[in-house]
Amino acid sequence: MSYLDNILFAIILIIGIGYFISNIKKIYRNINLGIDINRKDNSKERWKNMVMIALGQSKMVKRPIAGILHIIVYVGFVIINIELIEIIIDGLFGTHRIFAFLGSFYDVLIASFEILALLVIVAVIVFWIRRNTIKLKRFVNPDLKGFPKSDANYILYFELVLMFLFLFMNATDFHLQYVSGGYSHFIQAGSFPVSQFLAPLFNGMNNDSVAMLSELFWWLHIVGILIFMNYLYFSKHLHILLAFPNTYYANLKPLGEFDNLEAVTKEVKMMMDPNADPFAAPAPTEGEVPAKFGASDIQDLNWVQLLNAYTCTECGRCTSVCPANITGKKLSPRKIMMDTRDRMEEVGKNIDANKGIFVADNKTLLNDYITPEELWACTSCNACVEECPVSISPLSIIMDMRRYLVMEQSAAPTTLNAMMTNVENNGAPWPYNQQDRLNWKNE
């Protein structure tokens, strides 16, 4: 009968990992719907960014309370799950605490896991209070409603349950190792500084019942981890995985530096060159679709911007510092990223439903998700980019969509059109002829 347990465990493990891999492939495909862009330069600086920002959490601690709590949850959850290696081996081969031969080192490992589990529980409770009782402004913003709001709580509940299952699993193990005087295969291994205080809950129960509970906690813990791992695809918690490539491929240029459109740059150079032959440029081939200026949908954005959208943690730090949002404008940088991800998911489902081909659905990111009002509210100050703890740039998406409005639809606001007309006619943003610009000195 014991082999049936091992086979069942192997089947559950294969299904869990298989489903996770299939979803990761979808994410990879959706990200590659974007335009190719070269982000392989300066690898030394990129590795440094990844280590400092994604691994070292350097931008998180700018807000000390949230930053320290996040580090506790992050470090605790990652380190505790090292025990997954032992759990998987035990599940596949029917062993129990296979690494017990490590002796004192194993005791230190289990003890550190338990202390971290307790710290994670405390941190998660504080996070829940900040979000649901204190209700910090960035967590009750109108753009964070429905599933996105519930999703954050689901993750907190998941983490609480998994940590308690881990501690109760160890508590029953401790009971069967020491309190009952040893039972079956429960050898004395590990140190239990936290779960030993939960062990008295099982006093008075017969050993068989405690052993059944121990097995139940073990199964619930590993199955819970597999469920949580697959829930990442549907939640904002995907940043656990994507924060690393996102910080590596982040823009290394100064925040105020914008890129020029290559096609426009070539045209301007040709206009400025008196020796240039305007007919030298190759004529477009028949049926060739002209390049689009700016972006109206996700296929017009580059793959790094789409990676940004999947990496967004929905923490709202960007929106909390956005001067447009603070002054009551409709713009929310967090919503820009959430809308981009939602549209990307919609396009992905369209491709899945049509056997790998995107069928036009008469929808676009611009207008159907993000309105021009939101885009023109942006002051391009880069506060959102500076504040993001995982190097996301909502501004780059905003600027590309603005380009589309101006260069493809001539849909700039009246004040901006007036400024551009002045630049064209007067060589400056002001409505004065060049010869009249110094008249003010005579007043």
Protein backbone atom coordinates (compact mmCIF):
# COMPACT_ATOMS: atom_id res chain seq x y z
CA MET A 1 0.00 0.00 0.00
CA SER A 2 2.91 2.36 0.71
CA TYR A 3 3.83 2.27 -2.98
CA LEU A 4 0.38 3.62 -3.81
CA ASP A 5 1.19 6.72 -1.75
CA ASN A 6 4.44 7.20 -3.65
CA ILE A 7 2.73 6.76 -7.02
CA LEU A 8 -0.06 9.17 -6.04
CA PHE A 9 2.51 11.70 -4.90
CA ALA A 10 4.45 11.36 -8.17
CA ILE A 11 1.25 11.87 -10.20
CA ILE A 12 0.27 14.99 -8.22
CA LEU A 13 3.82 16.36 -8.53
CA ILE A 14 3.91 15.78 -12.30
CA ILE A 15 0.47 17.39 -12.79
CA GLY A 16 1.40 20.39 -10.62
CA ILE A 17 4.76 21.02 -12.29
CA GLY A 18 3.35 20.27 -15.77
CA TYR A 19 0.53 22.79 -15.41
CA PHE A 20 2.99 25.37 -14.07
CA ILE A 21 5.32 24.88 -17.06
CA SER A 22 2.42 25.14 -19.54
CA ASN A 23 1.42 28.50 -18.02
CA ILE A 24 5.01 29.74 -18.03
CA LYS A 25 5.13 28.95 -21.75
CA LYS A 26 2.01 31.08 -22.27
CA ILE A 27 3.62 33.98 -20.42
CA TYR A 28 6.77 33.63 -22.53
CA ARG A 29 4.70 33.59 -25.72
CA ASN A 30 2.65 36.62 -24.67
CA ILE A 31 5.76 38.62 -23.77
CA ASN A 32 7.23 37.81 -27.19
CA LEU A 33 4.20 39.36 -28.87
CA GLY A 34 6.03 42.62 -28.31
CA ILE A 35 8.56 44.26 -30.63
CA ASP A 36 12.13 43.03 -30.29
CA ILE A 37 14.52 45.34 -28.46
CA ASN A 38 18.17 44.90 -27.57
CA ARG A 39 18.78 44.86 -23.81
CA LYS A 40 21.98 42.80 -23.76
CA ASP A 41 24.40 45.67 -23.35
CA ASN A 42 26.45 46.33 -20.19
CA SER A 43 25.87 42.91 -18.64
CA LYS A 44 27.96 43.79 -15.58
CA GLU A 45 25.64 46.67 -14.64
CA ARG A 46 22.59 44.53 -15.37
CA TRP A 47 23.77 41.72 -13.08
CA LYS A 48 24.47 44.30 -10.39
CA ASN A 49 20.94 45.69 -10.71
CA MET A 50 19.42 42.24 -10.47
CA VAL A 51 21.43 41.32 -7.38
CA MET A 52 20.83 44.64 -5.61
CA ILE A 53 17.19 45.25 -6.54
CA ALA A 54 15.58 41.83 -7.07
CA LEU A 55 17.67 39.76 -4.66
CA GLY A 56 18.80 42.46 -2.24
CA GLN A 57 15.47 44.34 -2.14
CA SER A 58 17.36 47.65 -2.10
CA LYS A 59 14.41 49.74 -3.35
CA MET A 60 11.89 48.08 -1.02
CA VAL A 61 13.49 49.51 2.13
CA LYS A 62 12.93 53.09 0.98
CA ARG A 63 9.71 52.60 2.91
CA PRO A 64 11.22 50.90 5.99
CA ILE A 65 8.17 49.21 7.57
CA ALA A 66 6.84 47.64 4.38
CA GLY A 67 10.39 46.96 3.18
CA ILE A 68 11.55 45.06 6.27
CA LEU A 69 8.31 43.07 6.46
CA HIS A 70 8.60 42.19 2.78
CA ILE A 71 12.19 41.02 3.23
CA ILE A 72 11.08 38.77 6.10
CA VAL A 73 8.32 37.21 3.99
CA TYR A 74 10.56 36.98 0.92
CA VAL A 75 13.57 35.44 2.69
CA GLY A 76 11.42 33.25 4.91
CA PHE A 77 9.30 31.86 2.13
CA VAL A 78 12.28 31.15 -0.12
CA ILE A 79 14.48 29.55 2.55
CA ILE A 80 11.70 27.50 4.14
CA ASN A 81 10.87 26.02 0.76
CA ILE A 82 14.38 24.57 0.60
CA GLU A 83 12.76 21.81 2.65
CA LEU A 84 10.75 21.01 -0.46
CA ILE A 85 13.77 19.04 -1.68
CA GLU A 86 13.48 16.73 1.31
CA ILE A 87 9.68 16.55 1.05
CA ILE A 88 9.83 15.58 -2.63
CA ILE A 89 12.44 12.89 -2.02
CA ASP A 90 10.47 11.53 0.95
CA GLY A 91 7.27 11.55 -1.10
CA LEU A 92 8.77 9.76 -4.09
CA PHE A 93 10.75 7.12 -2.20
CA GLY A 94 8.70 6.66 0.98
CA THR A 95 11.49 7.85 3.28
CA HIS A 96 11.12 10.16 6.28
CA ARG A 97 13.46 13.08 6.89
CA ILE A 98 16.00 11.75 4.41
CA PHE A 99 18.52 14.48 5.31
CA ALA A 100 18.54 13.59 9.01
CA PHE A 101 22.03 12.13 8.52
CA LEU A 102 23.31 15.73 8.41
CA GLY A 103 23.06 15.70 12.21
CA SER A 104 23.63 19.04 13.92
CA PHE A 105 23.50 20.92 10.63
CA TYR A 106 20.05 19.45 10.00
CA ASP A 107 18.94 20.60 13.46
CA VAL A 108 20.09 24.15 12.66
CA LEU A 109 18.29 24.05 9.31
CA ILE A 110 14.94 22.94 10.76
CA ALA A 111 15.24 25.41 13.65
CA SER A 112 15.95 28.31 11.27
CA PHE A 113 13.02 27.25 9.08
CA GLU A 114 10.69 27.36 12.08
CA ILE A 115 11.89 30.74 13.31
CA LEU A 116 11.49 32.17 9.81
CA ALA A 117 8.01 30.61 9.56
CA LEU A 118 6.99 32.41 12.74
CA LEU A 119 8.39 35.72 11.45
CA VAL A 120 6.53 35.23 8.16
CA ILE A 121 3.27 34.67 10.06
CA VAL A 122 3.80 37.90 12.04
CA ALA A 123 4.70 39.87 8.89
CA VAL A 124 1.70 38.53 6.96
CA ILE A 125 -0.66 39.49 9.79
CA VAL A 126 0.78 43.03 9.81
CA PHE A 127 0.37 43.21 6.02
CA TRP A 128 -3.25 42.09 6.35
CA ILE A 129 -3.92 44.77 9.00
CA ARG A 130 -2.31 47.50 6.86
CA ARG A 131 -4.41 46.47 3.88
CA ASN A 132 -7.78 45.71 5.51
CA THR A 133 -7.94 47.52 8.86
CA ILE A 134 -5.73 50.60 8.53
CA LYS A 135 -6.57 50.71 4.80
CA LEU A 136 -3.58 52.62 3.49
CA LYS A 137 -4.63 54.92 0.66
CA ARG A 138 -2.71 53.08 -2.05
CA PHE A 139 -4.60 49.88 -1.18
CA VAL A 140 -8.06 51.43 -1.47
CA ASN A 141 -7.43 53.34 -4.72
CA PRO A 142 -10.32 52.95 -7.23
CA ASP A 143 -8.07 51.12 -9.72
CA LEU A 144 -7.53 48.34 -7.16
CA LYS A 145 -10.97 46.79 -6.96
CA GLY A 146 -12.58 43.44 -7.68
CA PHE A 147 -10.17 40.54 -8.14
CA PRO A 148 -6.95 42.61 -7.79
CA LYS A 149 -8.06 43.65 -4.29
CA SER A 150 -9.11 40.13 -3.31
CA ASP A 151 -6.00 38.61 -4.89
CA ALA A 152 -3.72 40.35 -2.38
CA ASN A 153 -5.71 38.86 0.51
CA TYR A 154 -5.79 35.40 -1.09
CA ILE A 155 -1.98 35.45 -1.20
CA LEU A 156 -1.77 36.45 2.47
CA TYR A 157 -4.17 33.65 3.43
CA PHE A 158 -2.19 31.17 1.33
CA GLU A 159 1.05 32.12 3.06
CA LEU A 160 -0.52 31.92 6.52
CA VAL A 161 -2.00 28.48 5.88
CA LEU A 162 1.23 27.11 4.40
CA MET A 163 3.31 28.36 7.33
CA PHE A 164 0.88 26.91 9.90
CA LEU A 165 0.76 23.59 8.05
CA PHE A 166 4.55 23.50 8.14
CA LEU A 167 4.62 24.16 11.89
CA PHE A 168 1.83 21.67 12.67
CA MET A 169 3.56 19.06 10.51
CA ASN A 170 6.70 19.53 12.62
CA ALA A 171 4.68 19.62 15.85
CA THR A 172 3.18 16.18 15.21
CA ASP A 173 6.63 14.93 14.21
CA PHE A 174 8.08 16.31 17.45
CA HIS A 175 5.28 14.63 19.45
CA LEU A 176 5.95 11.25 17.84
CA GLN A 177 9.73 11.64 18.17
CA TYR A 178 9.94 12.67 21.81
CA VAL A 179 6.64 12.90 23.72
CA SER A 180 5.42 9.45 22.80
CA GLY A 181 8.85 7.93 23.31
CA GLY A 182 9.39 7.23 19.63
CA TYR A 183 6.92 5.82 17.14
CA SER A 184 7.44 3.76 14.00
CA HIS A 185 9.72 5.53 11.50
CA PHE A 186 9.68 8.90 13.33
CA ILE A 187 13.37 9.04 14.17
CA GLN A 188 14.74 11.79 16.39
CA ALA A 189 15.95 14.39 13.95
CA GLY A 190 15.65 18.16 13.77
CA SER A 191 15.26 20.96 16.28
CA PHE A 192 11.81 22.49 16.83
CA PRO A 193 12.03 25.82 18.72
CA VAL A 194 8.54 26.93 17.61
CA SER A 195 6.48 23.83 16.87
CA GLN A 196 7.39 22.24 20.21
CA PHE A 197 4.95 24.71 21.78
CA LEU A 198 2.20 23.39 19.50
CA ALA A 199 2.95 19.75 20.34
CA PRO A 200 0.93 19.79 23.63
CA LEU A 201 -2.20 20.15 21.47
CA PHE A 202 -1.80 16.47 20.62
CA ASN A 203 -1.33 15.23 24.20
CA GLY A 204 -3.90 12.64 25.13
CA MET A 205 -4.29 11.43 21.54
CA ASN A 206 -3.11 7.95 20.64
CA ASN A 207 -0.02 7.71 18.48
CA ASP A 208 -1.85 6.33 15.46
CA SER A 209 -4.14 9.36 15.37
CA VAL A 210 -1.21 11.77 15.69
CA ALA A 211 0.60 9.87 12.92
CA MET A 212 -2.46 10.23 10.68
CA LEU A 213 -2.56 13.97 11.41
CA SER A 214 1.15 14.24 10.67
CA GLU A 215 0.62 12.61 7.29
CA LEU A 216 -2.40 14.85 6.63
CA PHE A 217 -0.42 18.03 7.41
CA TRP A 218 2.41 16.75 5.21
CA TRP A 219 0.07 16.15 2.25
CA LEU A 220 -1.77 19.44 2.71
CA HIS A 221 1.54 21.32 2.91
CA ILE A 222 3.02 19.93 -0.31
CA VAL A 223 -0.26 20.05 -2.25
CA GLY A 224 -0.81 23.60 -0.96
CA ILE A 225 2.62 24.63 -2.26
CA LEU A 226 1.83 23.15 -5.70
CA ILE A 227 -1.54 24.97 -5.76
CA PHE A 228 0.13 28.22 -4.70
CA MET A 229 2.84 27.77 -7.34
CA ASN A 230 0.17 27.46 -10.06
CA TYR A 231 -1.87 30.32 -8.63
CA LEU A 232 1.07 32.61 -9.36
CA TYR A 233 0.10 32.65 -13.05
CA PHE A 234 -3.25 34.24 -12.23
CA SER A 235 -2.04 36.63 -9.54
CA LYS A 236 0.15 39.67 -8.98
CA HIS A 237 2.53 37.38 -7.11
CA LEU A 238 4.14 36.42 -10.42
CA HIS A 239 6.79 39.01 -9.53
CA ILE A 240 8.39 36.35 -7.30
CA LEU A 241 9.77 34.85 -10.51
CA LEU A 242 9.81 37.75 -12.96
CA ALA A 243 11.44 40.39 -10.75
CA PHE A 244 14.82 38.88 -11.61
CA PRO A 245 14.67 39.11 -15.44
CA ASN A 246 12.76 42.40 -15.17
CA THR A 247 15.50 44.12 -13.17
CA TYR A 248 18.17 42.61 -15.42
CA TYR A 249 16.57 43.94 -18.61
CA ALA A 250 15.58 47.32 -17.14
CA ASN A 251 16.51 50.50 -18.98
CA LEU A 252 20.01 51.68 -17.97
CA LYS A 253 19.74 55.12 -19.58
CA PRO A 254 19.17 58.22 -17.42
CA LEU A 255 15.49 58.50 -16.49
CA GLY A 256 14.99 61.76 -18.40
CA GLU A 257 16.41 60.39 -21.65
CA PHE A 258 13.82 59.38 -24.24
CA ASP A 259 14.56 57.33 -27.33
CA ASN A 260 14.05 58.69 -30.84
CA LEU A 261 12.03 56.87 -33.47
CA GLU A 262 14.52 55.55 -36.00
CA ALA A 263 12.29 56.28 -39.00
CA VAL A 264 11.78 59.89 -37.91
CA THR A 265 15.50 60.35 -37.20
CA LYS A 266 16.36 59.21 -40.74
CA GLU A 267 13.81 61.62 -42.24
CA VAL A 268 15.15 64.55 -40.22
CA LYS A 269 18.75 63.78 -41.17
CA MET A 270 17.73 63.66 -44.81
CA MET A 271 15.93 67.01 -44.50
CA MET A 272 18.98 68.61 -42.85
CA ASP A 273 21.43 67.27 -45.44
CA PRO A 274 21.56 69.61 -48.48
CA ASN A 275 23.28 66.88 -50.51
CA ALA A 276 20.72 64.19 -49.74
CA ASP A 277 18.74 62.74 -52.61
CA PRO A 278 15.07 62.51 -51.52
CA PHE A 279 14.53 59.79 -54.11
CA ALA A 280 17.40 57.64 -52.85
CA ALA A 281 15.30 55.91 -50.21
CA PRO A 282 14.00 52.54 -51.40
CA ALA A 283 10.34 52.56 -52.40
CA PRO A 284 8.05 50.37 -50.25
CA THR A 285 7.32 46.96 -51.72
CA GLU A 286 3.81 46.13 -52.80
CA GLY A 287 1.63 45.01 -49.90
CA GLU A 288 4.15 46.19 -47.30
CA VAL A 289 2.48 47.60 -44.19
CA PRO A 290 4.00 50.96 -43.17
CA ALA A 291 5.61 51.01 -39.73
CA LYS A 292 3.35 52.38 -37.02
CA PHE A 293 4.44 55.37 -34.99
CA GLY A 294 3.93 54.77 -31.29
CA ALA A 295 1.64 52.12 -29.80
CA SER A 296 -2.09 51.51 -29.78
CA ASP A 297 -2.04 47.85 -28.71
CA ILE A 298 0.29 45.42 -26.99
CA GLN A 299 1.82 44.21 -30.27
CA ASP A 300 3.18 47.75 -30.74
CA LEU A 301 4.97 47.75 -27.39
CA ASN A 302 8.38 46.13 -26.94
CA TRP A 303 8.81 42.84 -25.08
CA VAL A 304 10.44 44.52 -22.06
CA GLN A 305 7.33 46.65 -21.57
CA LEU A 306 5.19 43.50 -21.68
CA LEU A 307 7.55 41.83 -19.21
CA ASN A 308 7.05 44.91 -16.99
CA ALA A 309 3.30 44.37 -17.08
CA TYR A 310 3.57 40.76 -15.92
CA THR A 311 6.06 41.75 -13.21
CA CYS A 312 3.90 44.48 -11.66
CA THR A 313 3.20 43.73 -7.99
CA GLU A 314 0.25 46.16 -7.86
CA CYS A 315 1.79 47.65 -4.71
CA GLY A 316 0.68 51.14 -5.74
CA ARG A 317 3.93 52.91 -4.84
CA CYS A 318 4.01 54.40 -8.34
CA THR A 319 0.49 55.79 -8.06
CA SER A 320 1.09 57.09 -4.54
CA VAL A 321 3.87 59.41 -5.78
CA CYS A 322 2.31 60.36 -9.14
CA PRO A 323 1.66 64.14 -9.07
CA ALA A 324 -1.19 63.78 -11.56
CA ASN A 325 -2.95 61.20 -9.40
CA ILE A 326 -2.28 63.14 -6.19
CA THR A 327 -3.98 66.19 -7.67
CA GLY A 328 -7.09 64.22 -8.64
CA LYS A 329 -6.33 63.41 -12.28
CA LYS A 330 -7.53 60.13 -13.74
CA LEU A 331 -4.02 58.78 -14.33
CA SER A 332 -2.77 55.88 -12.21
CA PRO A 333 0.57 54.33 -13.30
CA ARG A 334 -0.44 51.12 -11.53
CA LYS A 335 -3.60 50.94 -13.67
CA ILE A 336 -1.52 51.45 -16.82
CA MET A 337 0.45 48.30 -15.99
CA MET A 338 -2.61 46.32 -14.90
CA ASP A 339 -4.48 47.28 -18.08
CA THR A 340 -1.52 46.28 -20.23
CA ARG A 341 -1.38 42.88 -18.55
CA ASP A 342 -5.16 42.40 -18.84
CA ARG A 343 -5.07 43.21 -22.56
CA MET A 344 -2.09 40.88 -23.01
CA GLU A 345 -4.02 38.07 -21.32
CA GLU A 346 -7.04 38.79 -23.54
CA VAL A 347 -4.90 38.58 -26.67
CA GLY A 348 -3.29 35.38 -25.37
CA LYS A 349 -6.69 33.74 -24.86
CA ASN A 350 -7.67 34.86 -28.36
CA ILE A 351 -4.58 33.11 -29.75
CA ASP A 352 -5.32 29.96 -27.73
CA ALA A 353 -8.92 29.88 -28.95
CA ASN A 354 -7.85 30.28 -32.59
CA LYS A 355 -5.12 27.62 -32.71
CA GLY A 356 -2.14 29.93 -32.39
CA ILE A 357 -3.39 32.77 -34.58
CA PHE A 358 -4.63 36.14 -33.36
CA VAL A 359 -8.00 37.02 -34.84
CA ALA A 360 -8.86 40.73 -34.79
CA ASP A 361 -11.32 41.42 -31.97
CA ASN A 362 -11.92 45.12 -32.68
CA LYS A 363 -10.30 46.04 -29.37
CA THR A 364 -7.09 47.87 -28.54
CA LEU A 365 -5.19 48.78 -25.42
CA LEU A 366 -5.77 52.43 -26.29
CA ASN A 367 -9.37 53.52 -25.68
CA ASP A 368 -10.72 50.09 -24.65
CA TYR A 369 -8.42 49.91 -21.63
CA ILE A 370 -6.46 53.15 -21.35
CA THR A 371 -8.06 56.48 -22.24
CA PRO A 372 -6.32 59.51 -23.79
CA GLU A 373 -7.32 61.47 -20.70
CA GLU A 374 -5.11 59.23 -18.57
CA LEU A 375 -2.20 59.51 -21.00
CA TRP A 376 -2.25 63.30 -21.27
CA ALA A 377 -2.46 63.71 -17.48
CA CYS A 378 1.11 62.40 -17.19
CA THR A 379 3.79 65.03 -16.50
CA SER A 380 6.59 62.63 -17.56
CA CYS A 381 8.36 63.35 -14.26
CA ASN A 382 9.56 59.72 -13.85
CA ALA A 383 8.43 59.55 -10.21
CA CYS A 384 6.66 56.25 -10.90
CA VAL A 385 9.79 54.76 -12.47
CA GLU A 386 12.00 55.91 -9.62
CA GLU A 387 9.63 54.53 -7.00
CA CYS A 388 8.98 51.07 -8.46
CA PRO A 389 10.72 48.39 -6.34
CA VAL A 390 11.29 46.12 -9.37
CA SER A 391 12.31 48.69 -12.04
CA ILE A 392 9.05 48.86 -14.00
CA SER A 393 8.51 51.84 -16.33
CA PRO A 394 4.84 52.81 -16.80
CA LEU A 395 6.09 56.05 -18.38
CA SER A 396 7.56 54.25 -21.40
CA ILE A 397 4.13 52.81 -22.24
CA ILE A 398 2.46 56.19 -21.72
CA MET A 399 4.94 57.93 -24.04
CA ASP A 400 4.59 55.31 -26.80
CA MET A 401 0.79 55.62 -26.69
CA ARG A 402 1.08 59.42 -26.77
CA ARG A 403 3.25 59.10 -29.87
CA TYR A 404 0.51 57.11 -31.53
CA LEU A 405 -2.10 59.74 -30.68
CA VAL A 406 0.05 62.57 -32.04
CA MET A 407 1.72 60.97 -35.06
CA GLU A 408 -0.93 58.54 -36.23
CA GLN A 409 -4.20 60.17 -35.20
CA SER A 410 -3.23 63.86 -34.86
CA ALA A 411 -5.18 63.69 -31.63
CA ALA A 412 -3.04 65.85 -29.36
CA PRO A 413 -4.75 68.30 -26.99
CA THR A 414 -5.45 71.77 -28.41
CA THR A 415 -2.78 73.41 -26.26
CA LEU A 416 -0.15 70.95 -27.47
CA ASN A 417 -1.17 71.39 -31.11
CA ALA A 418 -0.81 75.17 -30.67
CA MET A 419 2.68 74.69 -29.21
CA MET A 420 3.75 72.41 -32.09
CA THR A 421 2.37 74.91 -34.62
CA ASN A 422 4.43 77.66 -32.98
CA VAL A 423 7.57 75.50 -33.12
CA GLU A 424 6.93 74.86 -36.81
CA ASN A 425 6.24 78.50 -37.68
CA ASN A 426 8.33 80.43 -35.16
CA GLY A 427 11.06 77.98 -34.16
CA ALA A 428 9.94 78.17 -30.52
CA PRO A 429 6.90 77.22 -28.38
CA TRP A 430 5.83 80.86 -28.04
CA PRO A 431 3.39 82.61 -30.42
CA TYR A 432 5.84 85.36 -31.34
CA ASN A 433 7.84 85.97 -34.45
CA GLN A 434 11.57 85.50 -33.96
CA GLN A 435 12.23 89.19 -34.62
CA ASP A 436 9.80 90.18 -31.84
CA ARG A 437 11.13 87.94 -29.07
CA LEU A 438 13.21 90.63 -27.36
CA ASN A 439 10.46 93.24 -27.33
CA TRP A 440 9.80 92.47 -23.68
CA LYS A 441 13.05 94.27 -22.74
CA ASN A 442 11.56 97.56 -23.89
CA GLU A 443 8.57 97.31 -21.56
